[in-house]
C-alpha cells in the first residue's frame, strides 16, 4: 500500500502587499516557497487566490493530502 504525501500549506502576506504560497511535508520544519504559477511575491490578490485554488485542486487529484492550511493575512474586522 502506498502512503499519500501529506503537506502543510501557508499563505504569507508581506508588508509590501505581496502574497506567497509556502508548502512543507508534514513533520518538516522548513517551508519552501512555491515557484511559478503566480504563487510567489504576487501583489494581485484575486490572481493569487485563483492559483492557490487550482494548486489545491491539483494536489487533491494527485492524492496529496493537505493536512493544514494557514493564511497569515490581517484579521478582518467584524461588524457586531
N, C-alpha and C. Protein backbone atom coordinates (compact mmCIF):
# COMPACT_ATOMS: atom_id res chain seq x y z
N UNK A 1 0.83 -1.18 0.00
CA UNK A 1 0.00 0.00 0.00
C UNK A 1 0.88 1.25 0.00
N UNK A 2 0.58 2.19 -0.88
CA UNK A 2 1.34 3.43 -0.97
C UNK A 2 0.74 4.48 -0.05
N UNK A 3 1.60 5.15 0.70
CA UNK A 3 1.15 6.23 1.58
C UNK A 3 1.12 7.52 0.79
N UNK A 4 0.02 8.25 0.89
CA UNK A 4 -0.10 9.53 0.20
C UNK A 4 0.81 10.56 0.85
N UNK A 5 1.32 11.44 0.04
CA UNK A 5 2.11 12.56 0.55
C UNK A 5 1.20 13.49 1.35
N UNK A 6 1.67 13.94 2.49
CA UNK A 6 0.91 14.85 3.33
C UNK A 6 1.69 16.15 3.49
N UNK A 7 0.99 17.27 3.29
CA UNK A 7 1.67 18.56 3.34
C UNK A 7 0.90 19.57 4.19
N UNK A 8 1.64 20.57 4.66
CA UNK A 8 1.08 21.77 5.26
C UNK A 8 1.22 22.88 4.23
N UNK A 9 0.23 23.78 4.19
CA UNK A 9 0.23 24.89 3.23
C UNK A 9 0.02 26.18 4.01
N UNK A 10 0.74 27.22 3.59
CA UNK A 10 0.62 28.51 4.27
C UNK A 10 0.72 29.65 3.27
N UNK A 11 -0.12 30.67 3.46
CA UNK A 11 -0.06 31.89 2.67
C UNK A 11 0.61 32.95 3.53
N UNK A 12 1.69 33.53 3.02
CA UNK A 12 2.37 34.62 3.72
C UNK A 12 2.00 35.95 3.06
N UNK A 13 1.67 36.91 3.89
CA UNK A 13 1.39 38.28 3.44
C UNK A 13 2.60 39.12 3.81
N UNK A 14 3.27 39.69 2.82
CA UNK A 14 4.44 40.51 3.05
C UNK A 14 4.02 41.96 3.27
N UNK A 15 4.79 42.72 4.05
CA UNK A 15 4.48 44.13 4.26
C UNK A 15 4.35 44.91 2.96
N UNK A 16 5.02 44.45 1.91
CA UNK A 16 4.95 45.11 0.60
C UNK A 16 3.59 44.93 -0.07
N UNK A 17 2.78 44.02 0.47
CA UNK A 17 1.49 43.70 -0.15
C UNK A 17 1.51 42.44 -0.99
N UNK A 18 2.69 41.87 -1.19
CA UNK A 18 2.81 40.65 -1.98
C UNK A 18 2.37 39.44 -1.17
N UNK A 19 1.87 38.43 -1.89
CA UNK A 19 1.44 37.16 -1.30
C UNK A 19 2.33 36.04 -1.83
N UNK A 20 2.67 35.11 -0.95
CA UNK A 20 3.48 33.96 -1.34
C UNK A 20 2.89 32.70 -0.74
N UNK A 21 2.79 31.64 -1.55
CA UNK A 21 2.34 30.35 -1.06
C UNK A 21 3.56 29.53 -0.67
N UNK A 22 3.48 28.90 0.51
CA UNK A 22 4.56 28.05 1.00
C UNK A 22 3.98 26.67 1.32
N UNK A 23 4.83 25.67 1.14
CA UNK A 23 4.44 24.29 1.45
C UNK A 23 5.59 23.59 2.16
N UNK A 24 5.23 22.58 2.94
CA UNK A 24 6.23 21.70 3.54
C UNK A 24 5.59 20.34 3.78
N UNK A 25 6.41 19.31 3.76
CA UNK A 25 5.92 17.98 4.11
C UNK A 25 5.63 17.97 5.60
N UNK A 26 4.57 17.28 6.00
CA UNK A 26 4.19 17.19 7.41
C UNK A 26 5.38 16.66 8.21
N UNK A 27 5.64 17.32 9.33
CA UNK A 27 6.73 16.92 10.19
C UNK A 27 8.04 17.63 9.92
N UNK A 28 8.13 18.33 8.81
CA UNK A 28 9.33 19.08 8.47
C UNK A 28 9.26 20.48 9.08
N UNK A 29 10.41 21.06 9.38
CA UNK A 29 10.46 22.39 9.98
C UNK A 29 10.51 23.50 8.93
N UNK A 30 11.16 23.25 7.81
CA UNK A 30 11.40 24.29 6.82
C UNK A 30 10.29 24.37 5.77
N UNK A 31 9.84 25.61 5.51
CA UNK A 31 8.87 25.87 4.45
C UNK A 31 9.60 26.14 3.15
N UNK A 32 8.97 25.81 2.03
CA UNK A 32 9.51 26.13 0.71
C UNK A 32 8.51 27.00 -0.02
N UNK A 33 9.00 28.09 -0.61
CA UNK A 33 8.14 28.93 -1.45
C UNK A 33 7.76 28.14 -2.70
N UNK A 34 6.50 28.23 -3.09
CA UNK A 34 6.06 27.60 -4.33
C UNK A 34 6.50 28.50 -5.48
N UNK A 35 7.18 27.94 -6.44
CA UNK A 35 7.71 28.70 -7.56
C UNK A 35 6.74 28.67 -8.73
N UNK A 36 6.66 29.75 -9.47
CA UNK A 36 5.84 29.81 -10.67
C UNK A 36 4.36 29.93 -10.35
N UNK A 37 3.56 29.84 -11.37
CA UNK A 37 2.09 29.85 -11.26
C UNK A 37 1.55 31.09 -10.55
N UNK A 38 2.31 32.18 -10.53
CA UNK A 38 1.88 33.43 -9.87
C UNK A 38 1.66 33.23 -8.37
N UNK A 39 2.42 32.32 -7.76
CA UNK A 39 2.23 32.00 -6.34
C UNK A 39 3.33 32.55 -5.45
N UNK A 40 4.30 33.22 -6.03
CA UNK A 40 5.38 33.81 -5.24
C UNK A 40 5.45 35.31 -5.45
N UNK A 41 5.44 36.06 -4.37
CA UNK A 41 5.57 37.52 -4.40
C UNK A 41 4.59 38.16 -5.37
N UNK A 42 3.34 37.77 -5.28
CA UNK A 42 2.30 38.27 -6.19
C UNK A 42 1.48 39.35 -5.48
N UNK A 43 1.41 40.56 -6.05
CA UNK A 43 0.61 41.63 -5.45
C UNK A 43 -0.87 41.57 -5.83
N UNK A 44 -1.21 40.73 -6.81
CA UNK A 44 -2.59 40.64 -7.31
C UNK A 44 -3.35 39.58 -6.51
N UNK A 45 -4.17 40.05 -5.56
CA UNK A 45 -4.85 39.15 -4.62
C UNK A 45 -5.76 38.16 -5.34
N UNK A 46 -6.58 38.63 -6.26
CA UNK A 46 -7.52 37.74 -6.96
C UNK A 46 -6.78 36.67 -7.76
N UNK A 47 -5.78 37.07 -8.50
CA UNK A 47 -5.00 36.12 -9.30
C UNK A 47 -4.31 35.10 -8.39
N UNK A 48 -3.75 35.58 -7.29
CA UNK A 48 -3.04 34.70 -6.37
C UNK A 48 -3.97 33.62 -5.83
N UNK A 49 -5.12 34.01 -5.30
CA UNK A 49 -6.01 33.01 -4.70
C UNK A 49 -6.65 32.09 -5.75
N UNK A 50 -6.83 32.55 -6.98
CA UNK A 50 -7.28 31.66 -8.05
C UNK A 50 -6.24 30.57 -8.28
N UNK A 51 -4.98 30.96 -8.28
CA UNK A 51 -3.90 29.99 -8.49
C UNK A 51 -3.75 29.04 -7.30
N UNK A 52 -3.97 29.55 -6.09
CA UNK A 52 -3.95 28.68 -4.91
C UNK A 52 -5.03 27.62 -5.04
N UNK A 53 -6.24 28.03 -5.43
CA UNK A 53 -7.34 27.08 -5.58
C UNK A 53 -7.00 26.01 -6.62
N UNK A 54 -6.41 26.42 -7.73
CA UNK A 54 -6.03 25.45 -8.77
C UNK A 54 -4.98 24.47 -8.25
N UNK A 55 -4.02 24.99 -7.49
CA UNK A 55 -2.96 24.11 -6.97
C UNK A 55 -3.53 23.11 -5.96
N UNK A 56 -4.41 23.57 -5.07
CA UNK A 56 -5.01 22.66 -4.10
C UNK A 56 -5.86 21.60 -4.80
N UNK A 57 -6.57 21.98 -5.85
CA UNK A 57 -7.36 21.00 -6.61
C UNK A 57 -6.44 19.98 -7.28
N UNK A 58 -5.32 20.44 -7.81
CA UNK A 58 -4.37 19.53 -8.44
C UNK A 58 -3.78 18.57 -7.40
N UNK A 59 -3.47 19.09 -6.21
CA UNK A 59 -2.98 18.22 -5.14
C UNK A 59 -4.02 17.13 -4.84
N UNK A 60 -5.28 17.52 -4.69
CA UNK A 60 -6.34 16.55 -4.38
C UNK A 60 -6.44 15.49 -5.48
N UNK A 61 -6.37 15.92 -6.73
CA UNK A 61 -6.45 15.00 -7.85
C UNK A 61 -5.29 14.00 -7.85
N UNK A 62 -4.12 14.47 -7.40
CA UNK A 62 -2.92 13.63 -7.39
C UNK A 62 -2.74 12.86 -6.08
N UNK A 63 -3.73 12.94 -5.18
CA UNK A 63 -3.66 12.17 -3.94
C UNK A 63 -2.83 12.79 -2.84
N UNK A 64 -2.42 14.05 -3.02
CA UNK A 64 -1.66 14.75 -1.97
C UNK A 64 -2.67 15.24 -0.94
N UNK A 65 -2.41 14.96 0.33
CA UNK A 65 -3.32 15.34 1.41
C UNK A 65 -2.82 16.62 2.05
N UNK A 66 -3.66 17.65 2.02
CA UNK A 66 -3.34 18.91 2.69
C UNK A 66 -3.84 18.79 4.12
N UNK A 67 -2.90 18.65 5.05
CA UNK A 67 -3.24 18.43 6.46
C UNK A 67 -3.63 19.75 7.13
N UNK A 68 -2.92 20.82 6.78
CA UNK A 68 -3.26 22.12 7.36
C UNK A 68 -3.09 23.22 6.33
N UNK A 69 -3.92 24.25 6.48
CA UNK A 69 -3.87 25.44 5.62
C UNK A 69 -3.96 26.64 6.54
N UNK A 70 -2.98 27.52 6.44
CA UNK A 70 -2.95 28.71 7.28
C UNK A 70 -2.72 29.93 6.40
N UNK A 71 -3.52 30.97 6.64
CA UNK A 71 -3.36 32.24 5.93
C UNK A 71 -2.94 33.27 6.98
N UNK A 72 -1.75 33.84 6.81
CA UNK A 72 -1.20 34.74 7.82
C UNK A 72 -1.64 36.18 7.63
N UNK A 73 -2.65 36.39 6.79
CA UNK A 73 -3.11 37.75 6.50
C UNK A 73 -3.71 38.46 7.67
N UNK A 74 -3.93 39.76 7.48
CA UNK A 74 -4.52 40.55 8.57
C UNK A 74 -5.92 40.06 8.90
N UNK A 75 -6.26 40.15 10.15
CA UNK A 75 -7.60 39.78 10.59
C UNK A 75 -8.58 40.84 10.13
N UNK A 76 -9.69 40.41 9.59
CA UNK A 76 -10.71 41.34 9.13
C UNK A 76 -11.62 41.73 10.29
N UNK A 77 -11.96 42.99 10.35
CA UNK A 77 -12.84 43.47 11.42
C UNK A 77 -14.24 42.93 11.19
N UNK A 78 -14.89 42.56 12.27
CA UNK A 78 -16.26 42.06 12.20
C UNK A 78 -17.22 43.18 12.57
N UNK A 79 -18.33 43.21 11.89
CA UNK A 79 -19.40 44.14 12.29
C UNK A 79 -20.24 43.45 13.34
N UNK A 80 -20.37 44.06 14.49
CA UNK A 80 -21.13 43.44 15.58
C UNK A 80 -22.52 44.00 15.66
